[in-house]
Structures are given as C-alpha cells and as structure tokens.
Amino acid sequence: MCKILVVDDEESVRAAVIRRLTREGYTLEEAENEDDAAEKIRNSVRAHDVVVTDMVMNTEQAGVEVLKAALARDIFSEVIVLTAYGNVANAVECMKMGAFDYVEKNIPGVDVYDLLSLKVDQALQRRRSSVVTIRRAEHILEGIREAPKP
C-alpha cells in the first residue's frame, strides 16, 4: 500500500486534492504547512512514497523545504510541487533538487486534478522501479560477498 502526503496551506485545495486521490484508491495523509509536513515526514514509521506540496505557504520557498525534508528521509520519495505562481526559476530549482515534477494549479483548459492524478501514478511507478533496482543490486552484492574466495 502506498503512502501519500498532501501539503497545502489552503484547506479547500488540500481537501480537493485529497478527495480526488482518495477516489483513485490512494491512502492519504495531510499537512497544512511546511513545518507540519516536516514533522510528519520525520515522525512517520515508513517514508512517504509520494509527497504533493504547494510551493508558497508560510514562505515563498516552503515547497523547497518540504522537498528537502522528504528526500532527506528517503531519497526515493517522489515529490510533486504544485504552485499557483509558477516561474521557470522555481521549477528548475525544484527539478535540480530531485522533484519528480512541478505543476501549475491554474493551467487554462486543463483539469489540474486529472493531471495531478496522472503525475502521482507516474511517480509511484518510478518509485517502484527504483526500489526494485536497489533490491536487485543488494541481491547481486550479497552474492558477490558470499562467493567463495579463490
């Protein structure tokens, strides 16, 4: 079962994202700002598979702080950054830091919740693939360590 954290300071946006992703069958946790998110990320028994976070909350870099917290906990957590105030510099910064994607909330003619649902599914597929690759590498390394020495 996957674990998704939704972070947004606007309760109506957070609720809409949660409603949509719940309809898709996901189990969700929510946080109302970057501090709440960082605490939930740190104290979670198991790392979140996907974190969907707003960019601008208490500060203009709040989404970056959530991204850092998620990746510090588990480098394979996939983070999708949402913003109502998209700009290229923020998008590039987030992607360089390891965000899975950067999505604007207000794209004309696009249902952002459909798009977000698609992005979450893609992020989960990438995470699964990464985990399988790591397990395969661990298995190979164990075989090398256990092989008899000539």
C-alpha atoms as a PDB file:
ATOM      1  CA  MET A   1       0.000   0.000   0.000  1.00  0.00           C
ATOM      2  CA  CYS A   2       1.413   3.370  -0.985  1.00  0.00           C
ATOM      3  CA  LYS A   3       1.648   6.331   1.367  1.00  0.00           C
ATOM      4  CA  ILE A   4       0.975   9.860   0.070  1.00  0.00           C
ATOM      5  CA  LEU A   5       1.318  13.173   1.924  1.00  0.00           C
ATOM      6  CA  VAL A   6      -0.583  16.227   0.643  1.00  0.00           C
ATOM      7  CA  VAL A   7       0.725  19.604   1.851  1.00  0.00           C
ATOM      8  CA  ASP A   8      -1.114  22.876   1.188  1.00  0.00           C
ATOM      9  CA  ASP A   9      -1.967  25.832   3.404  1.00  0.00           C
ATOM     10  CA  GLU A  10      -5.273  26.362   1.592  1.00  0.00           C
ATOM     11  CA  GLU A  11      -7.721  23.934   3.191  1.00  0.00           C
ATOM     12  CA  SER A  12     -10.007  23.934   0.134  1.00  0.00           C
ATOM     13  CA  VAL A  13      -7.178  22.987  -2.240  1.00  0.00           C
ATOM     14  CA  ARG A  14      -5.856  20.346   0.161  1.00  0.00           C
ATOM     15  CA  ALA A  15      -9.350  18.863   0.537  1.00  0.00           C
ATOM     16  CA  ALA A  16      -9.903  18.816  -3.242  1.00  0.00           C
ATOM     17  CA  VAL A  17      -6.581  17.038  -3.864  1.00  0.00           C
ATOM     18  CA  ILE A  18      -7.341  14.524  -1.109  1.00  0.00           C
ATOM     19  CA  ARG A  19     -10.855  13.905  -2.456  1.00  0.00           C
ATOM     20  CA  ARG A  20      -9.534  13.268  -5.950  1.00  0.00           C
ATOM     21  CA  LEU A  21      -6.677  10.985  -4.928  1.00  0.00           C
ATOM     22  CA  THR A  22      -8.900   9.087  -2.480  1.00  0.00           C
ATOM     23  CA  ARG A  23     -11.278   8.430  -5.380  1.00  0.00           C
ATOM     24  CA  GLU A  24      -8.291   6.905  -7.203  1.00  0.00           C
ATOM     25  CA  GLY A  25      -7.840   4.484  -4.282  1.00  0.00           C
ATOM     26  CA  TYR A  26      -4.861   6.083  -2.554  1.00  0.00           C
ATOM     27  CA  THR A  27      -4.401   6.376   1.207  1.00  0.00           C
ATOM     28  CA  LEU A  28      -3.500   9.921   2.150  1.00  0.00           C
ATOM     29  CA  GLU A  29      -2.144  11.980   4.987  1.00  0.00           C
ATOM     30  CA  GLU A  30      -2.316  15.759   5.055  1.00  0.00           C
ATOM     31  CA  ALA A  31      -0.308  18.693   6.385  1.00  0.00           C
ATOM     32  CA  GLU A  32      -1.291  22.353   6.434  1.00  0.00           C
ATOM     33  CA  ASN A  33       2.185  23.881   6.061  1.00  0.00           C
ATOM     34  CA  GLU A  34       5.862  23.071   5.664  1.00  0.00           C
ATOM     35  CA  ASP A  35       6.505  22.734   9.413  1.00  0.00           C
ATOM     36  CA  ASP A  36       3.616  20.302   9.852  1.00  0.00           C
ATOM     37  CA  ALA A  37       4.824  18.377   6.798  1.00  0.00           C
ATOM     38  CA  ALA A  38       8.429  18.172   8.030  1.00  0.00           C
ATOM     39  CA  GLU A  39       7.231  16.832  11.375  1.00  0.00           C
ATOM     40  CA  LYS A  40       5.024  14.200   9.721  1.00  0.00           C
ATOM     41  CA  ILE A  41       7.837  13.194   7.377  1.00  0.00           C
ATOM     42  CA  ARG A  42      10.340  12.838  10.242  1.00  0.00           C
ATOM     43  CA  ASN A  43       7.978  11.002  12.608  1.00  0.00           C
ATOM     44  CA  SER A  44       6.398   8.647  10.095  1.00  0.00           C
ATOM     45  CA  VAL A  45       7.089   4.968  10.734  1.00  0.00           C
ATOM     46  CA  ARG A  46       7.524   4.410   6.987  1.00  0.00           C
ATOM     47  CA  ALA A  47       8.644   7.025   4.475  1.00  0.00           C
ATOM     48  CA  HIS A  48       6.045   8.558   2.171  1.00  0.00           C
ATOM     49  CA  ASP A  49       6.073   7.183  -1.346  1.00  0.00           C
ATOM     50  CA  VAL A  50       4.823  10.471  -2.809  1.00  0.00           C
ATOM     51  CA  VAL A  51       4.605  13.977  -1.371  1.00  0.00           C
ATOM     52  CA  VAL A  52       2.409  16.532  -3.137  1.00  0.00           C
ATOM     53  CA  THR A  53       3.260  20.006  -1.854  1.00  0.00           C
ATOM     54  CA  ASP A  54       2.293  23.580  -2.529  1.00  0.00           C
ATOM     55  CA  MET A  55       5.269  25.831  -3.297  1.00  0.00           C
ATOM     56  CA  VAL A  56       4.223  29.008  -1.489  1.00  0.00           C
ATOM     57  CA  MET A  57       2.864  28.672   2.052  1.00  0.00           C
ATOM     58  CA  ASN A  58       4.440  30.406   5.067  1.00  0.00           C
ATOM     59  CA  THR A  59       7.337  31.419   2.823  1.00  0.00           C
ATOM     60  CA  GLU A  60       7.959  31.541  -0.909  1.00  0.00           C
ATOM     61  CA  GLN A  61      10.353  28.590  -0.577  1.00  0.00           C
ATOM     62  CA  ALA A  62       8.105  26.376   1.578  1.00  0.00           C
ATOM     63  CA  GLY A  63       7.795  23.743  -1.132  1.00  0.00           C
ATOM     64  CA  VAL A  64      11.582  23.526  -1.370  1.00  0.00           C
ATOM     65  CA  GLU A  65      11.736  22.890   2.391  1.00  0.00           C
ATOM     66  CA  VAL A  66       9.184  20.081   2.096  1.00  0.00           C
ATOM     67  CA  LEU A  67      11.161  18.642  -0.833  1.00  0.00           C
ATOM     68  CA  LYS A  68      14.372  18.692   1.231  1.00  0.00           C
ATOM     69  CA  ALA A  69      12.671  17.043   4.221  1.00  0.00           C
ATOM     70  CA  ALA A  70      11.128  14.279   2.084  1.00  0.00           C
ATOM     71  CA  LEU A  71      14.368  13.463   0.272  1.00  0.00           C
ATOM     72  CA  ALA A  72      16.388  13.603   3.500  1.00  0.00           C
ATOM     73  CA  ARG A  73      14.100  10.933   4.922  1.00  0.00           C
ATOM     74  CA  ASP A  74      14.070   8.739   1.798  1.00  0.00           C
ATOM     75  CA  ILE A  75      15.939   9.601  -1.376  1.00  0.00           C
ATOM     76  CA  PHE A  76      13.375   7.588  -3.357  1.00  0.00           C
ATOM     77  CA  SER A  77      10.335   9.553  -2.154  1.00  0.00           C
ATOM     78  CA  GLU A  78       8.804  11.269  -5.156  1.00  0.00           C
ATOM     79  CA  VAL A  79       7.836  14.919  -4.662  1.00  0.00           C
ATOM     80  CA  ILE A  80       5.392  16.803  -6.849  1.00  0.00           C
ATOM     81  CA  VAL A  81       5.422  20.571  -6.333  1.00  0.00           C
ATOM     82  CA  LEU A  82       2.197  22.479  -7.018  1.00  0.00           C
ATOM     83  CA  THR A  83       2.075  26.217  -7.475  1.00  0.00           C
ATOM     84  CA  ALA A  84      -0.364  28.949  -8.345  1.00  0.00           C
ATOM     85  CA  TYR A  85       2.581  31.240  -9.093  1.00  0.00           C
ATOM     86  CA  GLY A  86       4.695  29.217 -11.477  1.00  0.00           C
ATOM     87  CA  ASN A  87       8.005  30.552 -12.619  1.00  0.00           C
ATOM     88  CA  VAL A  88      10.817  28.932 -14.511  1.00  0.00           C
ATOM     89  CA  ALA A  89      13.474  29.605 -11.847  1.00  0.00           C
ATOM     90  CA  ASN A  90      11.451  27.805  -9.147  1.00  0.00           C
ATOM     91  CA  ALA A  91      10.670  24.907 -11.452  1.00  0.00           C
ATOM     92  CA  VAL A  92      14.314  24.462 -12.430  1.00  0.00           C
ATOM     93  CA  GLU A  93      15.461  24.691  -8.799  1.00  0.00           C
ATOM     94  CA  CYS A  94      12.953  22.046  -7.673  1.00  0.00           C
ATOM     95  CA  MET A  95      13.767  19.684 -10.517  1.00  0.00           C
ATOM     96  CA  LYS A  96      17.519  20.016  -9.911  1.00  0.00           C
ATOM     97  CA  MET A  97      16.944  19.178  -6.254  1.00  0.00           C
ATOM     98  CA  GLY A  98      15.127  15.984  -7.206  1.00  0.00           C
ATOM     99  CA  ALA A  99      11.436  16.819  -7.506  1.00  0.00           C
ATOM    100  CA  PHE A 100       9.507  14.392  -9.686  1.00  0.00           C
ATOM    101  CA  ASP A 101       7.502  17.212 -11.263  1.00  0.00           C
ATOM    102  CA  TYR A 102       6.390  20.817 -10.931  1.00  0.00           C
ATOM    103  CA  VAL A 103       2.724  21.507 -11.741  1.00  0.00           C
ATOM    104  CA  GLU A 104       0.909  24.813 -12.048  1.00  0.00           C
ATOM    105  CA  LYS A 105      -2.532  24.883 -10.407  1.00  0.00           C
ATOM    106  CA  ASN A 106      -4.038  27.234 -12.983  1.00  0.00           C
ATOM    107  CA  ILE A 107      -3.378  25.855 -16.458  1.00  0.00           C
ATOM    108  CA  PRO A 108      -6.062  27.101 -18.869  1.00  0.00           C
ATOM    109  CA  GLY A 109      -8.133  24.272 -20.316  1.00  0.00           C
ATOM    110  CA  VAL A 110      -6.554  21.596 -18.098  1.00  0.00           C
ATOM    111  CA  ASP A 111      -8.178  19.847 -15.143  1.00  0.00           C
ATOM    112  CA  VAL A 112      -5.267  20.078 -12.706  1.00  0.00           C
ATOM    113  CA  TYR A 113      -6.737  17.264 -10.580  1.00  0.00           C
ATOM    114  CA  ASP A 114      -6.729  14.896 -13.590  1.00  0.00           C
ATOM    115  CA  LEU A 115      -3.157  15.949 -14.317  1.00  0.00           C
ATOM    116  CA  LEU A 116      -2.141  15.515 -10.685  1.00  0.00           C
ATOM    117  CA  SER A 117      -3.701  12.053 -10.553  1.00  0.00           C
ATOM    118  CA  LEU A 118      -1.676  11.073 -13.627  1.00  0.00           C
ATOM    119  CA  LYS A 119       1.530  12.523 -12.127  1.00  0.00           C
ATOM    120  CA  VAL A 120       1.010  10.649  -8.832  1.00  0.00           C
ATOM    121  CA  ASP A 121       0.562   7.391 -10.748  1.00  0.00           C
ATOM    122  CA  GLN A 122       3.750   8.064 -12.745  1.00  0.00           C
ATOM    123  CA  ALA A 123       5.654   8.984  -9.570  1.00  0.00           C
ATOM    124  CA  LEU A 124       4.586   5.740  -7.892  1.00  0.00           C
ATOM    125  CA  GLN A 125       5.691   3.746 -10.942  1.00  0.00           C
ATOM    126  CA  ARG A 126       9.114   5.426 -10.838  1.00  0.00           C
ATOM    127  CA  ARG A 127       9.461   4.784  -7.105  1.00  0.00           C
ATOM    128  CA  ARG A 128       8.571   1.104  -7.543  1.00  0.00           C
ATOM    129  CA  SER A 129      11.109   0.790 -10.343  1.00  0.00           C
ATOM    130  CA  SER A 130      13.809   2.448  -8.208  1.00  0.00           C
ATOM    131  CA  VAL A 131      13.104   0.156  -5.262  1.00  0.00           C
ATOM    132  CA  VAL A 132      13.226  -2.939  -7.497  1.00  0.00           C
ATOM    133  CA  THR A 133      16.569  -1.793  -8.908  1.00  0.00           C
ATOM    134  CA  ILE A 134      18.017  -1.250  -5.431  1.00  0.00           C
ATOM    135  CA  ARG A 135      16.822  -4.658  -4.235  1.00  0.00           C
ATOM    136  CA  ARG A 136      18.339  -6.280  -7.309  1.00  0.00           C
ATOM    137  CA  ALA A 137      21.651  -4.513  -6.668  1.00  0.00           C
ATOM    138  CA  GLU A 138      21.604  -5.594  -2.999  1.00  0.00           C
ATOM    139  CA  HIS A 139      20.955  -9.188  -4.056  1.00  0.00           C
ATOM    140  CA  ILE A 140      23.870  -9.100  -6.502  1.00  0.00           C
ATOM    141  CA  LEU A 141      26.182  -7.597  -3.867  1.00  0.00           C
ATOM    142  CA  GLU A 142      25.193 -10.282  -1.355  1.00  0.00           C
ATOM    143  CA  GLY A 143      26.062 -12.934  -3.931  1.00  0.00           C
ATOM    144  CA  ILE A 144      29.463 -11.345  -4.521  1.00  0.00           C
ATOM    145  CA  ARG A 145      30.205 -11.147  -0.784  1.00  0.00           C
ATOM    146  CA  GLU A 146      29.144 -14.758  -0.208  1.00  0.00           C
ATOM    147  CA  ALA A 147      31.029 -16.167  -3.209  1.00  0.00           C
ATOM    148  CA  PRO A 148      33.978 -18.342  -2.227  1.00  0.00           C
ATOM    149  CA  LYS A 149      37.330 -16.611  -2.471  1.00  0.00           C
ATOM    150  CA  PRO A 150      39.869 -18.325  -4.797  1.00  0.00           C
END
